[in-house]
Amino acid sequence: MGEEIRTAEVSGDMRTARGTFEVSLEPAEHDQAGIRRMVITKTWRGDLAGQGAGTMLAAGDPATGMAGYVAVETVDGELDGLRGGFAFQQFGTMTAPDQQLRYEIVPGSGTADLAGITGTLDLEIIDGNTATC
C-alpha cells in the first residue's frame, strides 16, 4: 500500500498534541477468507515523536470505498517532552464518499513517563494523504 503522510492531534488529560506521521502498510499472511491482515510501521513527528508498529485487520472493498478495519499499534517515543510508550486501538469505516477514523489510547498501556496516559486521536484524511484534526 505504500507510505502516506498525515497530520494528527492527540487529546487527553486536558492537553493536545499535534504532528504528522508517515505510515507503511505491508500485507501479512492470514488464513481467513474475506479478511486482510497488514503490518503497520509508522514514524511520528511533532509533539509526539517516535516509532509505531502494529497489526491491522481489514475487510470490504477499499477500491469501491466500502470497507472497515481494526488495529492495535504500539508507540515508543516522546510526547510533549515525556519518554515512554503506549498503545492505540484503531477503528475505521469507509462508506463512500465518507470515512470515519478513531484512535483511542488503550487504558493501562502507558509505560515510563507516559504511565497512566489516556486520550484519543481523531483525524480526517484529505486528498488521500493529508489529515486535519
C-alpha atoms as a PDB file:
ATOM      1  CA  MET A   1       0.000   0.000   0.000  1.00  0.00           C
ATOM      2  CA  GLY A   2       2.993   2.303   0.356  1.00  0.00           C
ATOM      3  CA  GLU A   3       3.512   5.290   2.624  1.00  0.00           C
ATOM      4  CA  GLU A   4       1.169   8.127   3.485  1.00  0.00           C
ATOM      5  CA  ILE A   5       1.893  11.309   5.422  1.00  0.00           C
ATOM      6  CA  ARG A   6      -0.890  12.540   7.701  1.00  0.00           C
ATOM      7  CA  THR A   7      -1.301  15.189  10.356  1.00  0.00           C
ATOM      8  CA  ALA A   8      -2.659  14.134  13.714  1.00  0.00           C
ATOM      9  CA  GLU A   9      -3.858  15.540  17.012  1.00  0.00           C
ATOM     10  CA  VAL A  10      -3.774  13.578  20.274  1.00  0.00           C
ATOM     11  CA  SER A  11      -6.078  14.858  23.023  1.00  0.00           C
ATOM     12  CA  GLY A  12      -6.304  13.721  26.611  1.00  0.00           C
ATOM     13  CA  ASP A  13      -5.914  14.853  30.184  1.00  0.00           C
ATOM     14  CA  MET A  14      -6.733  18.414  29.082  1.00  0.00           C
ATOM     15  CA  ARG A  15      -3.724  18.519  26.701  1.00  0.00           C
ATOM     16  CA  THR A  16      -3.487  18.464  22.923  1.00  0.00           C
ATOM     17  CA  ALA A  17      -0.517  17.305  20.855  1.00  0.00           C
ATOM     18  CA  ARG A  18      -0.167  17.933  17.121  1.00  0.00           C
ATOM     19  CA  GLY A  19       2.062  16.414  14.485  1.00  0.00           C
ATOM     20  CA  THR A  20       2.349  14.219  11.443  1.00  0.00           C
ATOM     21  CA  PHE A  21       3.032  10.587  10.760  1.00  0.00           C
ATOM     22  CA  GLU A  22       4.262   8.511   7.878  1.00  0.00           C
ATOM     23  CA  VAL A  23       2.700   5.073   7.632  1.00  0.00           C
ATOM     24  CA  SER A  24       3.630   1.960   5.710  1.00  0.00           C
ATOM     25  CA  LEU A  25       1.179  -0.949   5.418  1.00  0.00           C
ATOM     26  CA  GLU A  26       2.517  -4.294   4.270  1.00  0.00           C
ATOM     27  CA  PRO A  27       0.364  -7.381   3.609  1.00  0.00           C
ATOM     28  CA  ALA A  28       0.876 -10.238   6.066  1.00  0.00           C
ATOM     29  CA  GLU A  29      -0.118 -13.867   5.915  1.00  0.00           C
ATOM     30  CA  HIS A  30      -3.661 -14.557   7.100  1.00  0.00           C
ATOM     31  CA  ASP A  31      -5.782 -17.669   6.664  1.00  0.00           C
ATOM     32  CA  GLN A  32      -9.353 -16.377   6.978  1.00  0.00           C
ATOM     33  CA  ALA A  33     -11.237 -15.680   3.729  1.00  0.00           C
ATOM     34  CA  GLY A  34     -12.523 -12.121   3.402  1.00  0.00           C
ATOM     35  CA  ILE A  35     -10.125 -10.635   5.963  1.00  0.00           C
ATOM     36  CA  ARG A  36      -6.810  -8.994   5.124  1.00  0.00           C
ATOM     37  CA  ARG A  37      -4.007  -8.663   7.671  1.00  0.00           C
ATOM     38  CA  MET A  38      -1.491  -5.830   7.383  1.00  0.00           C
ATOM     39  CA  VAL A  39       1.668  -4.953   9.326  1.00  0.00           C
ATOM     40  CA  ILE A  40       1.769  -1.261  10.318  1.00  0.00           C
ATOM     41  CA  THR A  41       5.016   0.705  10.562  1.00  0.00           C
ATOM     42  CA  LYS A  42       4.816   4.404  11.488  1.00  0.00           C
ATOM     43  CA  THR A  43       7.112   7.323  12.153  1.00  0.00           C
ATOM     44  CA  TRP A  44       5.542  10.047  14.292  1.00  0.00           C
ATOM     45  CA  ARG A  45       6.827  13.649  14.177  1.00  0.00           C
ATOM     46  CA  GLY A  46       5.807  16.731  16.131  1.00  0.00           C
ATOM     47  CA  ASP A  47       4.613  16.857  19.744  1.00  0.00           C
ATOM     48  CA  LEU A  48       4.520  13.051  19.538  1.00  0.00           C
ATOM     49  CA  ALA A  49       7.838  11.827  18.102  1.00  0.00           C
ATOM     50  CA  GLY A  50       8.755   8.175  17.819  1.00  0.00           C
ATOM     51  CA  GLN A  51       8.114   4.859  16.146  1.00  0.00           C
ATOM     52  CA  GLY A  52       4.887   2.901  15.886  1.00  0.00           C
ATOM     53  CA  ALA A  53       4.294  -0.745  14.994  1.00  0.00           C
ATOM     54  CA  GLY A  54       1.122  -2.778  14.865  1.00  0.00           C
ATOM     55  CA  THR A  55      -1.301  -5.104  13.162  1.00  0.00           C
ATOM     56  CA  MET A  56      -4.406  -4.234  11.152  1.00  0.00           C
ATOM     57  CA  LEU A  57      -7.292  -6.492  10.161  1.00  0.00           C
ATOM     58  CA  ALA A  58      -9.469  -5.221   7.313  1.00  0.00           C
ATOM     59  CA  ALA A  59     -12.467  -6.359   5.297  1.00  0.00           C
ATOM     60  CA  GLY A  60     -14.592  -4.990   2.490  1.00  0.00           C
ATOM     61  CA  ASP A  61     -13.558  -3.405  -0.784  1.00  0.00           C
ATOM     62  CA  PRO A  62     -11.470  -0.224  -0.350  1.00  0.00           C
ATOM     63  CA  ALA A  63     -11.347   0.224  -4.145  1.00  0.00           C
ATOM     64  CA  THR A  64     -15.105   0.938  -4.087  1.00  0.00           C
ATOM     65  CA  GLY A  65     -14.908   2.981  -0.890  1.00  0.00           C
ATOM     66  CA  MET A  66     -16.717   0.374   1.206  1.00  0.00           C
ATOM     67  CA  ALA A  67     -14.517  -1.192   3.894  1.00  0.00           C
ATOM     68  CA  GLY A  68     -13.576  -1.294   7.542  1.00  0.00           C
ATOM     69  CA  TYR A  69     -10.592  -2.048   9.754  1.00  0.00           C
ATOM     70  CA  VAL A  70      -9.473  -2.529  13.327  1.00  0.00           C
ATOM     71  CA  ALA A  71      -5.875  -2.275  14.507  1.00  0.00           C
ATOM     72  CA  VAL A  72      -3.637  -2.135  17.548  1.00  0.00           C
ATOM     73  CA  GLU A  73      -0.435  -0.079  17.359  1.00  0.00           C
ATOM     74  CA  THR A  74       2.265   0.395  19.970  1.00  0.00           C
ATOM     75  CA  VAL A  75       4.139   3.699  20.007  1.00  0.00           C
ATOM     76  CA  ASP A  76       7.548   4.242  21.601  1.00  0.00           C
ATOM     77  CA  GLY A  77       8.975   7.729  21.805  1.00  0.00           C
ATOM     78  CA  GLU A  78       8.424  11.127  23.333  1.00  0.00           C
ATOM     79  CA  LEU A  79       5.166  13.010  23.863  1.00  0.00           C
ATOM     80  CA  ASP A  80       5.451  16.641  24.874  1.00  0.00           C
ATOM     81  CA  GLY A  81       8.844  16.002  26.487  1.00  0.00           C
ATOM     82  CA  LEU A  82       7.823  12.773  28.266  1.00  0.00           C
ATOM     83  CA  ARG A  83       9.546   9.491  27.222  1.00  0.00           C
ATOM     84  CA  GLY A  84       7.789   6.158  27.131  1.00  0.00           C
ATOM     85  CA  GLY A  85       5.254   4.210  25.179  1.00  0.00           C
ATOM     86  CA  PHE A  86       1.587   3.343  24.882  1.00  0.00           C
ATOM     87  CA  ALA A  87      -0.821   1.549  22.559  1.00  0.00           C
ATOM     88  CA  PHE A  88      -3.547   2.869  20.271  1.00  0.00           C
ATOM     89  CA  GLN A  89      -6.622   0.861  19.357  1.00  0.00           C
ATOM     90  CA  GLN A  90      -7.914   1.984  15.976  1.00  0.00           C
ATOM     91  CA  PHE A  91     -11.284   1.727  14.251  1.00  0.00           C
ATOM     92  CA  GLY A  92     -12.066   2.827  10.703  1.00  0.00           C
ATOM     93  CA  THR A  93     -15.130   2.648   8.468  1.00  0.00           C
ATOM     94  CA  MET A  94     -15.399   3.689   4.823  1.00  0.00           C
ATOM     95  CA  THR A  95     -18.838   4.249   3.284  1.00  0.00           C
ATOM     96  CA  ALA A  96     -18.121   6.161   0.071  1.00  0.00           C
ATOM     97  CA  PRO A  97     -17.604   9.036  -0.044  1.00  0.00           C
ATOM     98  CA  ASP A  98     -17.249   9.304   3.744  1.00  0.00           C
ATOM     99  CA  GLN A  99     -14.899   7.708   6.231  1.00  0.00           C
ATOM    100  CA  GLN A 100     -14.717   7.673   9.995  1.00  0.00           C
ATOM    101  CA  LEU A 101     -11.423   7.056  11.782  1.00  0.00           C
ATOM    102  CA  ARG A 102     -10.905   6.832  15.520  1.00  0.00           C
ATOM    103  CA  TYR A 103      -7.881   6.089  17.657  1.00  0.00           C
ATOM    104  CA  GLU A 104      -8.055   5.602  21.423  1.00  0.00           C
ATOM    105  CA  ILE A 105      -5.154   5.121  23.813  1.00  0.00           C
ATOM    106  CA  VAL A 106      -5.518   1.658  25.359  1.00  0.00           C
ATOM    107  CA  PRO A 107      -6.121   2.033  29.109  1.00  0.00           C
ATOM    108  CA  GLY A 108      -3.197   0.729  31.164  1.00  0.00           C
ATOM    109  CA  SER A 109      -0.809   0.648  28.182  1.00  0.00           C
ATOM    110  CA  GLY A 110       1.367   3.640  29.134  1.00  0.00           C
ATOM    111  CA  THR A 111       4.970   2.983  30.183  1.00  0.00           C
ATOM    112  CA  ALA A 112       7.763   5.024  31.812  1.00  0.00           C
ATOM    113  CA  ASP A 113       6.902   8.757  31.838  1.00  0.00           C
ATOM    114  CA  LEU A 114       3.675   8.008  29.945  1.00  0.00           C
ATOM    115  CA  ALA A 115       2.253   5.618  32.563  1.00  0.00           C
ATOM    116  CA  GLY A 116      -1.406   6.462  33.138  1.00  0.00           C
ATOM    117  CA  ILE A 117      -1.837   8.234  29.786  1.00  0.00           C
ATOM    118  CA  THR A 118      -5.379   8.430  28.393  1.00  0.00           C
ATOM    119  CA  GLY A 119      -6.876  10.082  25.362  1.00  0.00           C
ATOM    120  CA  THR A 120      -7.937   9.896  21.760  1.00  0.00           C
ATOM    121  CA  LEU A 121      -6.559  10.789  18.364  1.00  0.00           C
ATOM    122  CA  ASP A 122      -9.047  11.991  15.775  1.00  0.00           C
ATOM    123  CA  LEU A 123      -8.042  12.579  12.198  1.00  0.00           C
ATOM    124  CA  GLU A 124      -9.647  13.238   8.872  1.00  0.00           C
ATOM    125  CA  ILE A 125      -7.835  12.263   5.683  1.00  0.00           C
ATOM    126  CA  ILE A 126      -7.974  14.857   2.915  1.00  0.00           C
ATOM    127  CA  ASP A 127      -6.776  14.254  -0.665  1.00  0.00           C
ATOM    128  CA  GLY A 128      -5.781  10.688   0.163  1.00  0.00           C
ATOM    129  CA  ASN A 129      -2.695  11.526   2.208  1.00  0.00           C
ATOM    130  CA  THR A 130      -3.185  14.630   4.359  1.00  0.00           C
ATOM    131  CA  ALA A 131      -5.257  14.820   7.519  1.00  0.00           C
ATOM    132  CA  THR A 132      -6.570  17.518   9.810  1.00  0.00           C
ATOM    133  CA  CYS A 133      -7.963  17.164  13.314  1.00  0.00           C
END
